[in-house]
Each structure stands twice: as structure tokens, then as C-alpha cells.
């Protein structure tokens, strides 16, 4: 377990953290949320989005960069 957590760069805080990390990493790689939701057995994508998907600071910075590129491109 420790080796897996270290390689995945996540804190070891119980097995359930892997579900959250799994969902978040797939979301970051632009896997459609409907597919992610199906993979972890959710009937509603809202559950996957609202509970299991976590945004990182990098996600927010990347979004601001996209916005800046749109504004600066004009």
C-alpha cells in the first residue's frame, strides 16, 4: 500500500482515497464524466462530480491560462 501511494503521489489515508484519486486523475485527463461514473458504479454523474472529483490548484491555474489566451487572442 505504501509503495502504491508513494508512486501515485497521494497521502495514505485509507482505501477510499483511491476512489477519489482515481476519479480525479481520469477527470484531469479529460475522460468523459459519464464513463468515469460508470467505471466506479455510480448511476448519477452528479454523485461522481460533486463527491469524487476534486480540483487542484493546477486545474484552476490551467483554466485561468485558457481564459487569458482567449482574451489576449482578440
PDB file of N, CA and C in Angstrom:
ATOM      1  N   UNK A   1       0.816  -1.187   0.000  1.00  0.00           N
ATOM      2  CA  UNK A   1       0.000   0.000   0.000  1.00  0.00           C
ATOM      3  C   UNK A   1       0.864   1.256   0.000  1.00  0.00           C
ATOM      4  N   UNK A   2       1.904   1.292   0.824  1.00  0.00           N
ATOM      5  CA  UNK A   2       2.768   2.474   0.899  1.00  0.00           C
ATOM      6  C   UNK A   2       3.441   2.775  -0.434  1.00  0.00           C
ATOM      7  N   UNK A   3       3.871   1.739  -1.122  1.00  0.00           N
ATOM      8  CA  UNK A   3       4.546   1.923  -2.412  1.00  0.00           C
ATOM      9  C   UNK A   3       3.579   2.509  -3.438  1.00  0.00           C
ATOM     10  N   UNK A   4       2.365   1.999  -3.463  1.00  0.00           N
ATOM     11  CA  UNK A   4       1.356   2.499  -4.402  1.00  0.00           C
ATOM     12  C   UNK A   4       1.066   3.972  -4.135  1.00  0.00           C
ATOM     13  N   UNK A   5       0.875   4.321  -2.871  1.00  0.00           N
ATOM     14  CA  UNK A   5       0.599   5.721  -2.520  1.00  0.00           C
ATOM     15  C   UNK A   5       1.755   6.627  -2.914  1.00  0.00           C
ATOM     16  N   UNK A   6       2.963   6.175  -2.658  1.00  0.00           N
ATOM     17  CA  UNK A   6       4.131   6.989  -2.988  1.00  0.00           C
ATOM     18  C   UNK A   6       4.244   7.196  -4.498  1.00  0.00           C
ATOM     19  N   UNK A   7       4.068   6.138  -5.274  1.00  0.00           N
ATOM     20  CA  UNK A   7       4.153   6.250  -6.732  1.00  0.00           C
ATOM     21  C   UNK A   7       3.037   7.122  -7.305  1.00  0.00           C
ATOM     22  N   UNK A   8       1.860   7.082  -6.700  1.00  0.00           N
ATOM     23  CA  UNK A   8       0.723   7.871  -7.179  1.00  0.00           C
ATOM     24  C   UNK A   8       0.743   9.292  -6.626  1.00  0.00           C
ATOM     25  N   UNK A   9       1.693   9.576  -5.753  1.00  0.00           N
ATOM     26  CA  UNK A   9       1.834  10.892  -5.130  1.00  0.00           C
ATOM     27  C   UNK A   9       0.569  11.299  -4.380  1.00  0.00           C
ATOM     28  N   UNK A  10       0.058  10.349  -3.580  1.00  0.00           N
ATOM     29  CA  UNK A  10      -1.101  10.639  -2.737  1.00  0.00           C
ATOM     30  C   UNK A  10      -0.804  10.205  -1.306  1.00  0.00           C
ATOM     31  N   UNK A  11      -1.462  10.853  -0.369  1.00  0.00           N
ATOM     32  CA  UNK A  11      -1.304  10.503   1.040  1.00  0.00           C
ATOM     33  C   UNK A  11      -2.039   9.213   1.340  1.00  0.00           C
ATOM     34  N   UNK A  12      -1.438   8.434   2.218  1.00  0.00           N
ATOM     35  CA  UNK A  12      -2.090   7.192   2.622  1.00  0.00           C
ATOM     36  C   UNK A  12      -3.073   7.526   3.735  1.00  0.00           C
ATOM     37  N   UNK A  13      -4.340   7.533   3.419  1.00  0.00           N
ATOM     38  CA  UNK A  13      -5.352   7.840   4.429  1.00  0.00           C
ATOM     39  C   UNK A  13      -6.576   6.950   4.264  1.00  0.00           C
ATOM     40  N   UNK A  14      -6.331   5.720   3.927  1.00  0.00           N
ATOM     41  CA  UNK A  14      -7.428   4.766   3.779  1.00  0.00           C
ATOM     42  C   UNK A  14      -7.668   4.397   2.332  1.00  0.00           C
ATOM     43  N   UNK A  15      -8.280   3.266   2.142  1.00  0.00           N
ATOM     44  CA  UNK A  15      -8.521   2.753   0.795  1.00  0.00           C
ATOM     45  C   UNK A  15      -9.489   3.616   0.001  1.00  0.00           C
ATOM     46  N   UNK A  16     -10.427   4.279   0.688  1.00  0.00           N
ATOM     47  CA  UNK A  16     -11.428   5.058  -0.031  1.00  0.00           C
ATOM     48  C   UNK A  16     -10.803   6.227  -0.790  1.00  0.00           C
ATOM     49  N   UNK A  17      -9.648   6.679  -0.341  1.00  0.00           N
ATOM     50  CA  UNK A  17      -8.968   7.779  -1.028  1.00  0.00           C
ATOM     51  C   UNK A  17      -8.627   7.392  -2.468  1.00  0.00           C
ATOM     52  N   UNK A  18      -8.453   6.114  -2.712  1.00  0.00           N
ATOM     53  CA  UNK A  18      -8.129   5.666  -4.069  1.00  0.00           C
ATOM     54  C   UNK A  18      -9.279   5.922  -5.041  1.00  0.00           C
ATOM     55  N   UNK A  19     -10.510   5.781  -4.586  1.00  0.00           N
ATOM     56  CA  UNK A  19     -11.658   6.083  -5.455  1.00  0.00           C
ATOM     57  C   UNK A  19     -11.651   7.546  -5.853  1.00  0.00           C
ATOM     58  N   UNK A  20     -11.409   8.406  -4.887  1.00  0.00           N
ATOM     59  CA  UNK A  20     -11.366   9.845  -5.161  1.00  0.00           C
ATOM     60  C   UNK A  20     -10.210  10.180  -6.101  1.00  0.00           C
ATOM     61  N   UNK A  21      -9.060   9.608  -5.839  1.00  0.00           N
ATOM     62  CA  UNK A  21      -7.886   9.860  -6.688  1.00  0.00           C
ATOM     63  C   UNK A  21      -8.097   9.320  -8.098  1.00  0.00           C
ATOM     64  N   UNK A  22      -8.663   8.141  -8.207  1.00  0.00           N
ATOM     65  CA  UNK A  22      -8.950   7.524  -9.494  1.00  0.00           C
ATOM     66  C   UNK A  22      -9.840   8.434 -10.329  1.00  0.00           C
ATOM     67  N   UNK A  23     -10.933   8.896  -9.714  1.00  0.00           N
ATOM     68  CA  UNK A  23     -11.881   9.769 -10.415  1.00  0.00           C
ATOM     69  C   UNK A  23     -11.216  11.086 -10.803  1.00  0.00           C
ATOM     70  N   UNK A  24     -10.518  11.688  -9.870  1.00  0.00           N
ATOM     71  CA  UNK A  24      -9.884  12.986 -10.128  1.00  0.00           C
ATOM     72  C   UNK A  24      -8.854  12.888 -11.238  1.00  0.00           C
ATOM     73  N   UNK A  25      -8.036  11.869 -11.218  1.00  0.00           N
ATOM     74  CA  UNK A  25      -6.999  11.718 -12.263  1.00  0.00           C
ATOM     75  C   UNK A  25      -7.619  11.489 -13.632  1.00  0.00           C
ATOM     76  N   UNK A  26      -8.657  10.679 -13.717  1.00  0.00           N
ATOM     77  CA  UNK A  26      -9.327  10.469 -15.004  1.00  0.00           C
ATOM     78  C   UNK A  26      -9.971  11.761 -15.484  1.00  0.00           C
ATOM     79  N   UNK A  27     -10.592  12.501 -14.583  1.00  0.00           N
ATOM     80  CA  UNK A  27     -11.214  13.778 -14.914  1.00  0.00           C
ATOM     81  C   UNK A  27     -10.165  14.749 -15.453  1.00  0.00           C
ATOM     82  N   UNK A  28      -8.999  14.780 -14.818  1.00  0.00           N
ATOM     83  CA  UNK A  28      -7.913  15.655 -15.267  1.00  0.00           C
ATOM     84  C   UNK A  28      -7.419  15.294 -16.665  1.00  0.00           C
ATOM     85  N   UNK A  29      -7.576  14.030 -17.029  1.00  0.00           N
ATOM     86  CA  UNK A  29      -7.142  13.563 -18.352  1.00  0.00           C
ATOM     87  C   UNK A  29      -8.268  13.654 -19.379  1.00  0.00           C
ATOM     88  N   UNK A  30      -9.330  14.366 -19.024  1.00  0.00           N
ATOM     89  CA  UNK A  30     -10.460  14.624 -19.928  1.00  0.00           C
ATOM     90  C   UNK A  30     -11.257  13.385 -20.325  1.00  0.00           C
ATOM     91  N   UNK A  31     -11.259  12.373 -19.463  1.00  0.00           N
ATOM     92  CA  UNK A  31     -12.128  11.220 -19.690  1.00  0.00           C
ATOM     93  C   UNK A  31     -13.556  11.703 -19.411  1.00  0.00           C
ATOM     94  N   UNK A  32     -14.493  11.431 -20.294  1.00  0.00           N
ATOM     95  CA  UNK A  32     -15.869  11.887 -20.078  1.00  0.00           C
ATOM     96  C   UNK A  32     -16.419  11.408 -18.731  1.00  0.00           C
ATOM     97  N   UNK A  33     -17.095  12.316 -18.022  1.00  0.00           N
ATOM     98  CA  UNK A  33     -17.588  12.022 -16.680  1.00  0.00           C
ATOM     99  C   UNK A  33     -18.571  10.858 -16.672  1.00  0.00           C
ATOM    100  N   UNK A  34     -19.313  10.675 -17.732  1.00  0.00           N
ATOM    101  CA  UNK A  34     -20.256   9.550 -17.807  1.00  0.00           C
ATOM    102  C   UNK A  34     -19.504   8.213 -17.771  1.00  0.00           C
ATOM    103  N   UNK A  35     -18.367   8.155 -18.430  1.00  0.00           N
ATOM    104  CA  UNK A  35     -17.556   6.932 -18.422  1.00  0.00           C
ATOM    105  C   UNK A  35     -16.957   6.704 -17.036  1.00  0.00           C
ATOM    106  N   UNK A  36     -16.425   7.772 -16.438  1.00  0.00           N
ATOM    107  CA  UNK A  36     -15.843   7.645 -15.096  1.00  0.00           C
ATOM    108  C   UNK A  36     -16.917   7.162 -14.121  1.00  0.00           C
ATOM    109  N   UNK A  37     -18.077   7.768 -14.193  1.00  0.00           N
ATOM    110  CA  UNK A  37     -19.183   7.412 -13.310  1.00  0.00           C
ATOM    111  C   UNK A  37     -19.547   5.933 -13.461  1.00  0.00           C
ATOM    112  N   UNK A  38     -19.573   5.474 -14.684  1.00  0.00           N
ATOM    113  CA  UNK A  38     -19.882   4.067 -14.953  1.00  0.00           C
ATOM    114  C   UNK A  38     -18.795   3.144 -14.385  1.00  0.00           C
ATOM    115  N   UNK A  39     -17.555   3.545 -14.539  1.00  0.00           N
ATOM    116  CA  UNK A  39     -16.445   2.717 -14.053  1.00  0.00           C
ATOM    117  C   UNK A  39     -16.487   2.495 -12.548  1.00  0.00           C
ATOM    118  N   UNK A  40     -16.933   3.502 -11.804  1.00  0.00           N
ATOM    119  CA  UNK A  40     -16.962   3.325 -10.349  1.00  0.00           C
ATOM    120  C   UNK A  40     -18.345   2.934  -9.823  1.00  0.00           C
ATOM    121  N   UNK A  41     -19.287   2.726 -10.746  1.00  0.00           N
ATOM    122  CA  UNK A  41     -20.572   2.172 -10.365  1.00  0.00           C
ATOM    123  C   UNK A  41     -21.619   3.170  -9.911  1.00  0.00           C
ATOM    124  N   UNK A  42     -21.474   4.418 -10.301  1.00  0.00           N
ATOM    125  CA  UNK A  42     -22.494   5.407  -9.955  1.00  0.00           C
ATOM    126  C   UNK A  42     -23.571   5.455 -11.018  1.00  0.00           C
ATOM    127  N   UNK A  43     -24.814   5.596 -10.584  1.00  0.00           N
ATOM    128  CA  UNK A  43     -25.934   5.762 -11.510  1.00  0.00           C
ATOM    129  C   UNK A  43     -26.074   7.204 -11.957  1.00  0.00           C
ATOM    130  N   UNK A  44     -25.666   8.125 -11.109  1.00  0.00           N
ATOM    131  CA  UNK A  44     -25.810   9.549 -11.397  1.00  0.00           C
ATOM    132  C   UNK A  44     -24.430  10.204 -11.510  1.00  0.00           C
ATOM    133  N   UNK A  45     -24.221  10.919 -12.605  1.00  0.00           N
ATOM    134  CA  UNK A  45     -22.929  11.590 -12.772  1.00  0.00           C
ATOM    135  C   UNK A  45     -22.750  12.701 -11.742  1.00  0.00           C
ATOM    136  N   UNK A  46     -23.848  13.213 -11.205  1.00  0.00           N
ATOM    137  CA  UNK A  46     -23.762  14.265 -10.188  1.00  0.00           C
ATOM    138  C   UNK A  46     -23.016  13.772  -8.956  1.00  0.00           C
ATOM    139  N   UNK A  47     -23.224  12.509  -8.586  1.00  0.00           N
ATOM    140  CA  UNK A  47     -22.512  11.930  -7.445  1.00  0.00           C
ATOM    141  C   UNK A  47     -21.016  11.927  -7.712  1.00  0.00           C
ATOM    142  N   UNK A  48     -20.652  11.507  -8.904  1.00  0.00           N
ATOM    143  CA  UNK A  48     -19.236  11.462  -9.270  1.00  0.00           C
ATOM    144  C   UNK A  48     -18.639  12.860  -9.263  1.00  0.00           C
ATOM    145  N   UNK A  49     -19.322  13.806  -9.869  1.00  0.00           N
ATOM    146  CA  UNK A  49     -18.810  15.173  -9.945  1.00  0.00           C
ATOM    147  C   UNK A  49     -18.759  15.858  -8.591  1.00  0.00           C
ATOM    148  N   UNK A  50     -19.829  15.752  -7.828  1.00  0.00           N
ATOM    149  CA  UNK A  50     -19.940  16.522  -6.589  1.00  0.00           C
ATOM    150  C   UNK A  50     -19.191  15.930  -5.401  1.00  0.00           C
ATOM    151  N   UNK A  51     -18.982  14.632  -5.403  1.00  0.00           N
ATOM    152  CA  UNK A  51     -18.342  13.993  -4.245  1.00  0.00           C
ATOM    153  C   UNK A  51     -16.939  13.490  -4.548  1.00  0.00           C
ATOM    154  N   UNK A  52     -16.735  12.929  -5.727  1.00  0.00           N
ATOM    155  CA  UNK A  52     -15.475  12.238  -6.001  1.00  0.00           C
ATOM    156  C   UNK A  52     -14.466  13.023  -6.834  1.00  0.00           C
ATOM    157  N   UNK A  53     -14.904  14.064  -7.509  1.00  0.00           N
ATOM    158  CA  UNK A  53     -13.997  14.844  -8.345  1.00  0.00           C
ATOM    159  C   UNK A  53     -13.493  16.033  -7.548  1.00  0.00           C
ATOM    160  N   UNK A  54     -12.174  16.156  -7.462  1.00  0.00           N
ATOM    161  CA  UNK A  54     -11.560  17.247  -6.709  1.00  0.00           C
ATOM    162  C   UNK A  54     -10.696  18.080  -7.645  1.00  0.00           C
ATOM    163  N   UNK A  55     -10.800  19.378  -7.503  1.00  0.00           N
ATOM    164  CA  UNK A  55      -9.984  20.276  -8.318  1.00  0.00           C
ATOM    165  C   UNK A  55      -8.698  20.600  -7.579  1.00  0.00           C
ATOM    166  N   UNK A  56      -7.621  20.644  -8.321  1.00  0.00           N
ATOM    167  CA  UNK A  56      -6.340  21.016  -7.743  1.00  0.00           C
ATOM    168  C   UNK A  56      -6.024  22.460  -8.112  1.00  0.00           C
ATOM    169  N   UNK A  57      -5.028  23.004  -7.468  1.00  0.00           N
ATOM    170  CA  UNK A  57      -4.588  24.361  -7.807  1.00  0.00           C
ATOM    171  C   UNK A  57      -4.150  24.417  -9.270  1.00  0.00           C
ATOM    172  N   UNK A  58      -3.511  23.362  -9.744  1.00  0.00           N
ATOM    173  CA  UNK A  58      -3.074  23.301 -11.147  1.00  0.00           C
ATOM    174  C   UNK A  58      -4.272  23.390 -12.099  1.00  0.00           C
ATOM    175  N   UNK A  59      -5.387  22.728 -11.747  1.00  0.00           N
ATOM    176  CA  UNK A  59      -6.600  22.810 -12.575  1.00  0.00           C
ATOM    177  C   UNK A  59      -7.067  24.247 -12.691  1.00  0.00           C
ATOM    178  N   UNK A  60      -7.044  24.965 -11.589  1.00  0.00           N
ATOM    179  CA  UNK A  60      -7.501  26.353 -11.581  1.00  0.00           C
ATOM    180  C   UNK A  60      -6.559  27.252 -12.379  1.00  0.00           C
ATOM    181  N   UNK A  61      -5.267  27.040 -12.224  1.00  0.00           N
ATOM    182  CA  UNK A  61      -4.279  27.823 -12.976  1.00  0.00           C
ATOM    183  C   UNK A  61      -4.438  27.569 -14.468  1.00  0.00           C
ATOM    184  N   UNK A  62      -4.626  26.313 -14.848  1.00  0.00           N
ATOM    185  CA  UNK A  62      -4.812  25.985 -16.268  1.00  0.00           C
ATOM    186  C   UNK A  62      -6.063  26.661 -16.837  1.00  0.00           C
ATOM    187  N   UNK A  63      -7.129  26.722 -16.053  1.00  0.00           N
ATOM    188  CA  UNK A  63      -8.358  27.377 -16.509  1.00  0.00           C
ATOM    189  C   UNK A  63      -8.130  28.867 -16.729  1.00  0.00           C
ATOM    190  N   UNK A  64      -7.389  29.500 -15.842  1.00  0.00           N
ATOM    191  CA  UNK A  64      -7.082  30.931 -15.986  1.00  0.00           C
ATOM    192  C   UNK A  64      -6.211  31.163 -17.215  1.00  0.00           C
ATOM    193  N   UNK A  65      -5.295  30.248 -17.495  1.00  0.00           N
ATOM    194  CA  UNK A  65      -4.455  30.375 -18.693  1.00  0.00           C
ATOM    195  C   UNK A  65      -5.311  30.314 -19.956  1.00  0.00           C
ATOM    196  N   UNK A  66      -6.290  29.424 -19.980  1.00  0.00           N
ATOM    197  CA  UNK A  66      -7.190  29.329 -21.137  1.00  0.00           C
ATOM    198  C   UNK A  66      -7.930  30.652 -21.313  1.00  0.00           C
ATOM    199  N   UNK A  67      -8.448  31.170 -20.214  1.00  0.00           N
ATOM    200  CA  UNK A  67      -9.163  32.436 -20.275  1.00  0.00           C
ATOM    201  C   UNK A  67      -8.248  33.554 -20.762  1.00  0.00           C
ATOM    202  N   UNK A  68      -7.048  33.623 -20.233  1.00  0.00           N
ATOM    203  CA  UNK A  68      -6.090  34.647 -20.666  1.00  0.00           C
ATOM    204  C   UNK A  68      -5.779  34.526 -22.151  1.00  0.00           C
ATOM    205  N   UNK A  69      -5.639  33.306 -22.636  1.00  0.00           N
ATOM    206  CA  UNK A  69      -5.356  33.106 -24.065  1.00  0.00           C
ATOM    207  C   UNK A  69      -6.521  33.576 -24.929  1.00  0.00           C
ATOM    208  N   UNK A  70      -7.745  33.362 -24.473  1.00  0.00           N
ATOM    209  CA  UNK A  70      -8.912  33.829 -25.212  1.00  0.00           C
ATOM    210  C   UNK A  70      -8.967  35.344 -25.264  1.00  0.00           C
ATOM    211  N   UNK A  71      -8.694  35.973 -24.146  1.00  0.00           N
ATOM    212  CA  UNK A  71      -8.748  37.439 -24.064  1.00  0.00           C
ATOM    213  C   UNK A  71      -7.605  38.059 -24.865  1.00  0.00           C
ATOM    214  N   UNK A  72      -6.422  37.504 -24.740  1.00  0.00           N
ATOM    215  CA  UNK A  72      -5.250  38.053 -25.437  1.00  0.00           C
ATOM    216  C   UNK A  72      -5.258  37.786 -26.932  1.00  0.00           C
ATOM    217  N   UNK A  73      -6.012  36.784 -27.363  1.00  0.00           N
ATOM    218  CA  UNK A  73      -6.057  36.432 -28.785  1.00  0.00           C
ATOM    219  C   UNK A  73      -6.859  37.436 -29.584  1.00  0.00           C
ATOM    220  N   UNK A  74      -7.659  38.246 -28.916  1.00  0.00           N
ATOM    221  CA  UNK A  74      -8.523  39.212 -29.630  1.00  0.00           C
ATOM    222  C   UNK A  74      -7.799  40.499 -29.907  1.00  0.00           C
TER     223      UNK A  74
END
